[in-house]
Amino acid sequence: MTFSPTFVRFLTIFAVVAGLVGAKRVFDSYEPEELYRKDFIQEYVLARALVDGGEPYLPVPTLIEKYFPETNPKVPWAHPTPHTPSAALLSIPIGFFPYPVAVTIWLVFELVCLAVAIVLLAHWWGEPVSWLQKAVLFLMCLGFGPVIHELWYGQFSLILLVFVTLAWLSLRGGRDGWGGAALGASVALKLTAWPVGLYLLLKGRWRAVVAAGAVVIGLHLAALAVMGPRAVAEYYLKVGPQITDEYRQHDENFSLWTVGGRFFSPEVAKVASVFITAPLYESRTLDRLVTIALPICALLTAIGLALRCRQFDSAFGILICASLPINPVVWDHYLLLTAIPIVVLVRRLKDLGFPRGPTSAAAVFLLITIVPYPGYLEAVVWMFSTGVAHNVKVMPFWPGLITYLPLVPLIGWIVLLWKTDADERTP
């Protein structure tokens, strides 16, 4: 990639500042009052339970009381660890370390995953990308909202980004076995990108489908061997539905599954971090109808668009964007997976000479994606809150829709991928 010297200086300064901001935020997460409130502690006690041969899906506070008897830190969850049995297997090694050491190991692992993802995407770019440019991109990413939250909480999204990127690069290169295997790993870890598997099935790419299925089944067989059938069944029959139910009206969850409850449920949100709102109109029937119909319509629309795309990159990007909000729970750090459609679009816009309209739209969508969330959410709450209830702020319905702002770039990337796909499409 070649840029003007002025633009290079600007990017370098921006990258350094972004890197420092991101580093400070990560260091802040090591403060005593924050260290034990990381999402990572859920994974840690799950790993400790597996190492000790105990019950992994006990409520998190119960496991914390067992493994942190002296400090017994207070956490904001009463439910079991919400991560899959396959994710539990990946977490086992951290259970052999003291918690502060395990947190640091996981942080380093995630930073390595970020670097690997940048290298993979730079390789696809098609033009030489120097190590200095990759380093600048790495530092810039540290200042992006989804990356900051991923590193702050100690989540899985950077690991998933590597798997999904490997799947994309392999599938587009015709290596369906490897691509399907990487896709299967991502689905098994966090039920991510599964619509891509449906697309591959409809396209008759059987080797990829079989490879993905084999990995999913293999990881679950390994989980059965390590955890036992009771724990695996408990996750899918009890823990998963419990998490879906508790977070269906959560103020930071922008899944399409939340729309019915947020708009029509007469019940107050069971779990909230910042605010709650009253519904637009109370109707249990509309709540159930929208909750079921909206994700299905979104899935069918995305699959239909993907099947009509001429370029595999377009189809894959559309399905990745759609796969996030059609899952019952989606947080802002999941937006890391949109790195693939974003890179594809930037490359296309560059080849087109950066046309004003699409480029301006892409810039707006990118800005919404990388702005720290829920920072702007808290600002809206400060402006519109009308009181306090259930230990969180109360807001009117319409300002509460700020929750769904991340859906704007997701829809935007889908539209731009469709618009920039080859002009001639299959009927």
Protein backbone atom coordinates (compact mmCIF):
# COMPACT_ATOMS: atom_id res chain seq x y z
CA MET A 1 0.00 0.00 0.00
CA THR A 2 1.31 3.48 -0.83
CA PHE A 3 0.14 6.72 0.79
CA SER A 4 1.27 10.32 0.73
CA PRO A 5 3.89 11.29 3.37
CA THR A 6 1.39 13.59 5.12
CA PHE A 7 -1.20 10.84 5.38
CA VAL A 8 1.43 8.41 6.65
CA ARG A 9 2.45 10.87 9.40
CA PHE A 10 -1.18 11.36 10.35
CA LEU A 11 -1.81 7.62 10.54
CA THR A 12 1.35 7.08 12.57
CA ILE A 13 0.42 9.76 15.12
CA PHE A 14 -3.14 8.46 15.28
CA ALA A 15 -1.89 4.90 15.77
CA VAL A 16 0.44 5.89 18.61
CA VAL A 17 -2.32 7.84 20.37
CA ALA A 18 -4.83 5.02 19.84
CA GLY A 19 -2.33 2.48 21.12
CA LEU A 20 -1.67 4.51 24.25
CA VAL A 21 -5.40 4.96 24.88
CA GLY A 22 -6.02 1.25 24.43
CA ALA A 23 -3.08 0.33 26.66
CA LYS A 24 -4.30 2.63 29.42
CA ARG A 25 -7.78 1.12 29.27
CA VAL A 26 -6.36 -2.38 29.54
CA PHE A 27 -4.14 -1.36 32.48
CA ASP A 28 -7.21 0.17 34.14
CA SER A 29 -8.89 -3.23 33.99
CA TYR A 30 -6.22 -4.52 36.40
CA GLU A 31 -7.40 -2.19 39.14
CA PRO A 32 -8.57 -4.24 42.17
CA GLU A 33 -12.21 -3.19 41.80
CA GLU A 34 -12.23 -4.20 38.10
CA LEU A 35 -9.90 -7.21 37.93
CA TYR A 36 -12.46 -9.63 39.35
CA ARG A 37 -15.36 -8.15 37.41
CA LYS A 38 -13.94 -9.17 34.04
CA ASP A 39 -15.99 -11.61 31.98
CA PHE A 40 -12.82 -13.69 32.05
CA ILE A 41 -13.48 -14.72 35.65
CA GLN A 42 -16.43 -16.76 34.38
CA GLU A 43 -14.09 -18.67 32.11
CA TYR A 44 -11.51 -19.03 34.86
CA VAL A 45 -13.83 -20.64 37.41
CA LEU A 46 -15.20 -22.87 34.65
CA ALA A 47 -11.64 -24.01 33.90
CA ARG A 48 -10.87 -24.51 37.60
CA ALA A 49 -13.98 -26.66 37.99
CA LEU A 50 -12.92 -28.83 35.05
CA VAL A 51 -9.37 -29.18 36.37
CA ASP A 52 -10.74 -30.21 39.78
CA GLY A 53 -13.30 -32.57 38.29
CA GLY A 54 -16.20 -30.55 39.69
CA GLU A 55 -19.47 -29.32 38.21
CA PRO A 56 -18.56 -26.63 35.63
CA TYR A 57 -21.99 -25.07 35.15
CA LEU A 58 -22.80 -24.14 38.72
CA PRO A 59 -23.77 -20.46 39.16
CA VAL A 60 -20.72 -18.22 38.84
CA PRO A 61 -21.03 -16.79 42.41
CA THR A 62 -21.01 -20.36 43.78
CA LEU A 63 -17.79 -21.20 41.94
CA ILE A 64 -16.22 -17.88 42.91
CA GLU A 65 -16.98 -18.54 46.57
CA LYS A 66 -15.25 -21.90 46.18
CA TYR A 67 -12.13 -20.72 44.36
CA PHE A 68 -11.75 -17.28 45.95
CA PRO A 69 -12.65 -18.06 49.57
CA GLU A 70 -10.53 -15.25 51.03
CA THR A 71 -11.61 -12.34 48.82
CA ASN A 72 -14.94 -13.72 47.47
CA PRO A 73 -15.28 -10.86 44.95
CA LYS A 74 -18.76 -9.69 44.03
CA VAL A 75 -19.69 -10.16 40.39
CA PRO A 76 -22.71 -8.89 38.42
CA TRP A 77 -23.93 -12.36 37.36
CA ALA A 78 -26.01 -14.95 39.15
CA HIS A 79 -26.12 -17.44 36.27
CA PRO A 80 -23.62 -20.14 35.23
CA THR A 81 -20.79 -19.40 32.82
CA PRO A 82 -22.52 -18.81 29.45
CA HIS A 83 -19.80 -20.28 27.23
CA THR A 84 -20.08 -23.52 25.31
CA PRO A 85 -18.50 -26.87 26.27
CA SER A 86 -16.03 -26.43 23.40
CA ALA A 87 -14.98 -23.05 24.79
CA ALA A 88 -14.61 -24.73 28.17
CA LEU A 89 -12.09 -27.16 26.66
CA LEU A 90 -10.04 -24.24 25.27
CA SER A 91 -10.07 -22.66 28.73
CA ILE A 92 -8.75 -25.65 30.65
CA PRO A 93 -5.03 -24.62 30.58
CA ILE A 94 -5.75 -21.31 32.35
CA GLY A 95 -7.17 -23.26 35.29
CA PHE A 96 -3.65 -24.32 36.30
CA PHE A 97 -2.55 -20.73 37.03
CA PRO A 98 -3.42 -18.20 39.74
CA TYR A 99 -6.10 -15.81 38.55
CA PRO A 100 -3.90 -12.69 38.00
CA VAL A 101 -1.41 -14.79 35.99
CA ALA A 102 -4.21 -16.40 33.98
CA VAL A 103 -5.66 -12.97 33.14
CA THR A 104 -2.31 -11.83 31.76
CA ILE A 105 -1.77 -15.02 29.77
CA TRP A 106 -5.20 -14.61 28.19
CA LEU A 107 -4.48 -10.96 27.38
CA VAL A 108 -1.21 -11.87 25.64
CA PHE A 109 -2.98 -14.66 23.76
CA GLU A 110 -5.63 -12.22 22.54
CA LEU A 111 -3.01 -9.69 21.43
CA VAL A 112 -1.31 -12.45 19.46
CA CYS A 113 -4.66 -13.29 17.86
CA LEU A 114 -5.10 -9.63 16.88
CA ALA A 115 -1.65 -9.62 15.28
CA VAL A 116 -2.37 -12.89 13.45
CA ALA A 117 -5.67 -11.55 12.12
CA ILE A 118 -3.93 -8.41 10.80
CA VAL A 119 -1.26 -10.52 9.09
CA LEU A 120 -3.89 -12.77 7.47
CA LEU A 121 -5.96 -9.84 6.23
CA ALA A 122 -2.84 -8.04 4.97
CA HIS A 123 -1.86 -11.18 3.06
CA TRP A 124 -5.26 -11.20 1.32
CA TRP A 125 -4.98 -7.50 0.43
CA GLY A 126 -2.98 -8.39 -2.67
CA GLU A 127 -0.41 -5.62 -2.43
CA PRO A 128 2.74 -5.55 -0.28
CA VAL A 129 2.02 -4.46 3.29
CA SER A 130 5.20 -3.72 5.23
CA TRP A 131 5.74 -4.77 8.83
CA LEU A 132 5.74 -1.09 9.80
CA GLN A 133 2.29 -0.68 8.24
CA LYS A 134 1.08 -3.79 10.06
CA ALA A 135 2.43 -2.39 13.33
CA VAL A 136 0.58 0.88 12.71
CA LEU A 137 -2.64 -1.04 12.04
CA PHE A 138 -2.10 -3.04 15.23
CA LEU A 139 -1.71 0.12 17.34
CA MET A 140 -4.71 1.74 15.67
CA CYS A 141 -6.87 -1.26 16.48
CA LEU A 142 -5.99 -0.97 20.17
CA GLY A 143 -7.95 2.29 20.26
CA PHE A 144 -11.11 0.87 18.66
CA GLY A 145 -14.11 0.34 20.93
CA PRO A 146 -14.73 -3.37 20.20
CA VAL A 147 -11.01 -4.18 20.68
CA ILE A 148 -10.83 -2.23 23.95
CA HIS A 149 -13.85 -4.07 25.31
CA GLU A 150 -12.58 -7.43 24.09
CA LEU A 151 -9.27 -6.94 25.91
CA TRP A 152 -10.90 -5.33 28.94
CA TYR A 153 -13.35 -8.18 29.53
CA GLY A 154 -11.15 -11.05 28.34
CA GLN A 155 -13.55 -12.51 25.79
CA PHE A 156 -13.32 -14.86 22.76
CA SER A 157 -13.97 -12.54 19.81
CA LEU A 158 -10.34 -12.14 18.70
CA ILE A 159 -9.93 -15.92 18.74
CA LEU A 160 -13.09 -16.23 16.68
CA LEU A 161 -11.82 -13.57 14.27
CA VAL A 162 -8.76 -15.71 13.54
CA PHE A 163 -10.86 -18.84 12.95
CA VAL A 164 -13.40 -17.02 10.77
CA THR A 165 -10.63 -15.33 8.75
CA LEU A 166 -8.92 -18.68 8.19
CA ALA A 167 -12.27 -20.12 7.10
CA TRP A 168 -12.86 -17.26 4.66
CA LEU A 169 -9.38 -17.40 3.11
CA SER A 170 -9.49 -21.18 2.76
CA LEU A 171 -13.01 -21.32 1.34
CA ARG A 172 -12.39 -18.55 -1.19
CA GLY A 173 -9.23 -20.39 -2.25
CA GLY A 174 -11.08 -23.66 -2.82
CA ARG A 175 -9.59 -25.41 0.22
CA ASP A 176 -12.97 -26.50 1.48
CA GLY A 177 -11.68 -29.06 3.96
CA TRP A 178 -9.55 -26.55 5.86
CA GLY A 179 -12.13 -23.83 5.48
CA GLY A 180 -14.91 -26.00 6.80
CA ALA A 181 -12.75 -27.11 9.73
CA ALA A 182 -12.00 -23.51 10.73
CA LEU A 183 -15.67 -22.61 10.36
CA GLY A 184 -16.65 -25.58 12.50
CA ALA A 185 -14.23 -24.48 15.23
CA SER A 186 -15.80 -21.00 15.35
CA VAL A 187 -19.32 -22.42 15.48
CA ALA A 188 -18.40 -24.86 18.24
CA LEU A 189 -16.70 -22.19 20.32
CA LYS A 190 -19.47 -19.62 20.28
CA LEU A 191 -22.16 -20.56 17.75
CA THR A 192 -20.69 -17.89 15.47
CA ALA A 193 -20.94 -17.64 11.68
CA TRP A 194 -23.22 -20.67 11.44
CA PRO A 195 -25.25 -19.12 8.55
CA VAL A 196 -22.11 -19.55 6.41
CA GLY A 197 -22.48 -23.30 6.93
CA LEU A 198 -26.09 -23.13 5.72
CA TYR A 199 -24.94 -21.20 2.66
CA LEU A 200 -22.27 -23.80 1.89
CA LEU A 201 -24.86 -26.54 2.22
CA LEU A 202 -27.19 -24.81 -0.25
CA LYS A 203 -24.28 -24.30 -2.65
CA GLY A 204 -23.46 -27.99 -2.52
CA ARG A 205 -19.95 -27.54 -1.09
CA TRP A 206 -20.16 -30.84 0.73
CA ARG A 207 -16.51 -31.16 1.69
CA ALA A 208 -16.70 -27.89 3.65
CA VAL A 209 -19.98 -28.88 5.28
CA VAL A 210 -18.69 -32.31 6.28
CA ALA A 211 -15.44 -30.84 7.63
CA ALA A 212 -17.33 -28.24 9.67
CA GLY A 213 -19.69 -30.86 11.02
CA ALA A 214 -16.82 -33.20 11.86
CA VAL A 215 -15.04 -30.51 13.89
CA VAL A 216 -18.22 -29.53 15.74
CA ILE A 217 -18.99 -33.16 16.54
CA GLY A 218 -15.37 -33.94 17.41
CA LEU A 219 -15.11 -31.03 19.86
CA HIS A 220 -18.37 -32.04 21.50
CA LEU A 221 -17.21 -35.65 21.80
CA ALA A 222 -14.06 -34.35 23.48
CA ALA A 223 -16.22 -32.23 25.79
CA LEU A 224 -18.31 -35.31 26.62
CA ALA A 225 -15.15 -37.20 27.49
CA VAL A 226 -13.78 -34.40 29.70
CA MET A 227 -16.95 -32.95 31.21
CA GLY A 228 -19.36 -35.84 31.03
CA PRO A 229 -22.72 -35.99 29.25
CA ARG A 230 -24.54 -34.38 32.17
CA ALA A 231 -22.60 -31.11 31.95
CA VAL A 232 -22.87 -30.89 28.15
CA ALA A 233 -26.61 -31.57 28.28
CA GLU A 234 -27.03 -29.05 31.09
CA TYR A 235 -25.43 -26.33 28.98
CA TYR A 236 -27.73 -26.82 25.99
CA LEU A 237 -30.90 -27.65 27.89
CA LYS A 238 -30.60 -25.26 30.82
CA VAL A 239 -27.74 -22.74 30.70
CA GLY A 240 -28.19 -21.62 27.09
CA PRO A 241 -31.95 -21.03 27.37
CA GLN A 242 -31.45 -19.32 30.75
CA ILE A 243 -28.92 -16.86 29.29
CA THR A 244 -31.18 -16.16 26.30
CA ASP A 245 -34.13 -15.47 28.58
CA GLU A 246 -32.26 -13.28 31.06
CA TYR A 247 -30.59 -11.09 28.42
CA ARG A 248 -33.48 -10.78 25.97
CA GLN A 249 -34.13 -7.16 27.03
CA HIS A 250 -30.63 -6.22 28.16
CA ASP A 251 -29.73 -2.63 27.37
CA GLU A 252 -26.41 -3.51 25.66
CA ASN A 253 -27.64 -6.54 23.74
CA PHE A 254 -28.48 -5.45 20.17
CA SER A 255 -29.67 -8.85 18.95
CA LEU A 256 -32.81 -8.95 16.83
CA TRP A 257 -34.18 -11.36 19.44
CA THR A 258 -34.44 -8.43 21.85
CA VAL A 259 -36.67 -6.25 19.66
CA GLY A 260 -39.94 -7.98 20.54
CA GLY A 261 -39.28 -7.70 24.26
CA ARG A 262 -37.97 -4.14 24.16
CA PHE A 263 -40.92 -2.94 22.06
CA PHE A 264 -43.82 -4.98 23.41
CA SER A 265 -43.07 -6.93 26.60
CA PRO A 266 -45.00 -5.76 29.68
CA GLU A 267 -42.23 -7.20 31.85
CA VAL A 268 -39.18 -5.25 33.02
CA ALA A 269 -35.78 -6.42 31.79
CA LYS A 270 -34.47 -9.19 34.04
CA VAL A 271 -30.86 -8.02 33.66
CA ALA A 272 -29.59 -4.54 32.75
CA SER A 273 -26.26 -2.74 33.04
CA VAL A 274 -27.09 0.94 32.41
CA PHE A 275 -30.81 1.53 31.86
CA ILE A 276 -34.27 0.09 31.41
CA THR A 277 -37.19 1.47 29.39
CA ALA A 278 -40.91 0.99 29.22
CA PRO A 279 -42.19 -0.79 26.09
CA LEU A 280 -43.65 1.10 23.15
CA TYR A 281 -46.87 -0.92 23.46
CA GLU A 282 -47.63 -3.81 25.79
CA SER A 283 -48.60 -6.96 23.93
CA ARG A 284 -47.35 -10.47 24.75
CA THR A 285 -48.59 -11.69 21.37
CA LEU A 286 -46.59 -9.11 19.43
CA ASP A 287 -43.61 -9.77 21.68
CA ARG A 288 -43.59 -13.49 20.81
CA LEU A 289 -44.34 -12.89 17.12
CA VAL A 290 -41.58 -10.31 16.57
CA THR A 291 -39.06 -12.22 18.68
CA ILE A 292 -39.43 -15.27 16.46
CA ALA A 293 -40.18 -13.71 13.08
CA LEU A 294 -37.56 -10.95 12.92
CA PRO A 295 -34.43 -13.16 13.19
CA ILE A 296 -35.92 -15.67 10.74
CA CYS A 297 -36.68 -12.93 8.21
CA ALA A 298 -33.17 -11.51 8.62
CA LEU A 299 -31.62 -14.95 8.09
CA LEU A 300 -33.69 -15.68 4.98
CA THR A 301 -32.89 -12.25 3.54
CA ALA A 302 -29.16 -12.67 4.14
CA ILE A 303 -29.12 -16.18 2.66
CA GLY A 304 -31.08 -14.95 -0.36
CA LEU A 305 -28.65 -12.09 -0.98
CA ALA A 306 -25.63 -14.34 -0.47
CA LEU A 307 -26.90 -16.92 -2.95
CA ARG A 308 -27.34 -14.22 -5.60
CA CYS A 309 -23.86 -12.75 -5.14
CA ARG A 310 -21.34 -13.39 -7.87
CA GLN A 311 -18.34 -13.03 -5.57
CA PHE A 312 -17.77 -15.33 -2.63
CA ASP A 313 -16.29 -12.43 -0.63
CA SER A 314 -19.63 -10.62 -0.87
CA ALA A 315 -21.62 -13.65 0.21
CA PHE A 316 -19.30 -14.42 3.13
CA GLY A 317 -19.26 -10.81 4.34
CA ILE A 318 -23.05 -10.51 4.16
CA LEU A 319 -23.51 -13.69 6.16
CA ILE A 320 -20.96 -12.67 8.80
CA CYS A 321 -22.74 -9.34 9.32
CA ALA A 322 -26.13 -11.06 9.48
CA SER A 323 -24.93 -13.84 11.79
CA LEU A 324 -24.27 -11.43 14.65
CA PRO A 325 -27.74 -9.97 15.35
CA ILE A 326 -29.64 -13.16 14.51
CA ASN A 327 -28.06 -14.82 17.52
CA PRO A 328 -29.94 -14.28 20.81
CA VAL A 329 -27.11 -12.43 22.55
CA VAL A 330 -24.63 -10.10 20.84
CA TRP A 331 -22.26 -7.57 22.41
CA ASP A 332 -20.19 -4.81 20.83
CA HIS A 333 -16.94 -6.81 20.83
CA TYR A 334 -18.60 -9.26 18.42
CA LEU A 335 -18.24 -6.47 15.84
CA LEU A 336 -14.59 -7.52 15.54
CA LEU A 337 -15.79 -10.15 13.07
CA THR A 338 -16.83 -7.38 10.68
CA ALA A 339 -13.13 -6.77 10.02
CA ILE A 340 -13.49 -9.15 7.07
CA PRO A 341 -16.32 -7.34 5.21
CA ILE A 342 -14.73 -3.98 6.10
CA VAL A 343 -11.40 -4.95 4.53
CA VAL A 344 -13.18 -6.36 1.47
CA LEU A 345 -15.12 -3.11 1.03
CA VAL A 346 -12.09 -0.86 1.51
CA ARG A 347 -10.25 -2.83 -1.14
CA ARG A 348 -13.16 -2.55 -3.56
CA LEU A 349 -13.58 1.17 -2.94
CA LYS A 350 -9.86 1.65 -3.52
CA ASP A 351 -10.08 -0.21 -6.84
CA LEU A 352 -13.04 2.00 -7.79
CA GLY A 353 -11.11 5.17 -6.96
CA PHE A 354 -13.00 5.79 -3.71
CA PRO A 355 -16.34 7.03 -5.15
CA ARG A 356 -17.74 9.78 -2.94
CA GLY A 357 -21.12 8.29 -1.98
CA PRO A 358 -20.12 4.74 -0.98
CA THR A 359 -16.87 5.97 0.58
CA SER A 360 -18.66 8.54 2.74
CA ALA A 361 -21.21 5.94 3.84
CA ALA A 362 -18.44 3.45 4.66
CA ALA A 363 -16.62 6.12 6.71
CA VAL A 364 -19.76 6.78 8.77
CA PHE A 365 -20.38 3.07 9.34
CA LEU A 366 -16.75 2.57 10.35
CA LEU A 367 -16.92 5.45 12.82
CA ILE A 368 -20.03 3.98 14.47
CA THR A 369 -18.30 0.60 14.66
CA ILE A 370 -15.08 1.77 16.33
CA VAL A 371 -16.47 4.39 18.74
CA PRO A 372 -16.26 2.99 22.28
CA TYR A 373 -19.55 1.43 23.33
CA PRO A 374 -21.39 1.87 25.67
CA GLY A 375 -19.69 5.25 26.16
CA TYR A 376 -22.19 7.04 23.93
CA LEU A 377 -24.97 4.96 25.48
CA GLU A 378 -24.11 6.34 28.91
CA ALA A 379 -24.11 9.87 27.46
CA VAL A 380 -27.64 9.37 26.12
CA VAL A 381 -28.74 8.00 29.50
CA TRP A 382 -27.30 11.07 31.22
CA MET A 383 -29.35 13.32 28.92
CA PHE A 384 -32.67 11.46 29.00
CA SER A 385 -32.89 9.45 32.22
CA THR A 386 -35.99 10.11 34.31
CA GLY A 387 -35.10 8.30 37.52
CA VAL A 388 -33.72 5.09 38.99
CA ALA A 389 -35.35 1.66 39.34
CA HIS A 390 -33.87 -1.78 39.99
CA ASN A 391 -30.46 -0.13 40.57
CA VAL A 392 -30.26 1.26 37.01
CA LYS A 393 -31.46 4.42 35.26
CA VAL A 394 -34.92 4.64 33.71
CA MET A 395 -35.30 6.14 30.22
CA PRO A 396 -38.16 6.86 27.81
CA PHE A 397 -38.63 4.31 25.04
CA TRP A 398 -37.31 6.28 22.07
CA PRO A 399 -33.90 7.34 23.49
CA GLY A 400 -33.50 3.73 24.61
CA LEU A 401 -33.27 2.69 20.97
CA ILE A 402 -29.65 3.88 21.08
CA THR A 403 -29.03 0.23 21.95
CA TYR A 404 -29.53 -0.67 18.31
CA LEU A 405 -27.05 1.81 16.84
CA PRO A 406 -24.54 -1.02 16.07
CA LEU A 407 -27.15 -2.49 13.73
CA VAL A 408 -26.70 0.53 11.44
CA PRO A 409 -23.17 -0.39 10.28
CA LEU A 410 -24.08 -4.07 10.08
CA ILE A 411 -26.91 -3.26 7.68
CA GLY A 412 -24.66 -0.74 5.95
CA TRP A 413 -21.90 -3.27 5.28
CA ILE A 414 -24.47 -5.69 3.86
CA VAL A 415 -25.86 -3.02 1.50
CA LEU A 416 -22.41 -1.89 0.37
CA LEU A 417 -21.24 -5.48 -0.20
CA TRP A 418 -24.34 -6.06 -2.31
CA LYS A 419 -23.95 -2.81 -4.23
CA THR A 420 -20.26 -3.39 -4.98
CA ASP A 421 -20.71 -6.99 -5.99
CA ALA A 422 -20.43 -7.77 -9.71
CA ASP A 423 -23.15 -6.02 -11.72
CA GLU A 424 -24.27 -9.24 -13.32
CA ARG A 425 -25.98 -11.50 -10.78
CA THR A 426 -27.49 -14.92 -11.08
CA PRO A 427 -31.26 -14.88 -11.51
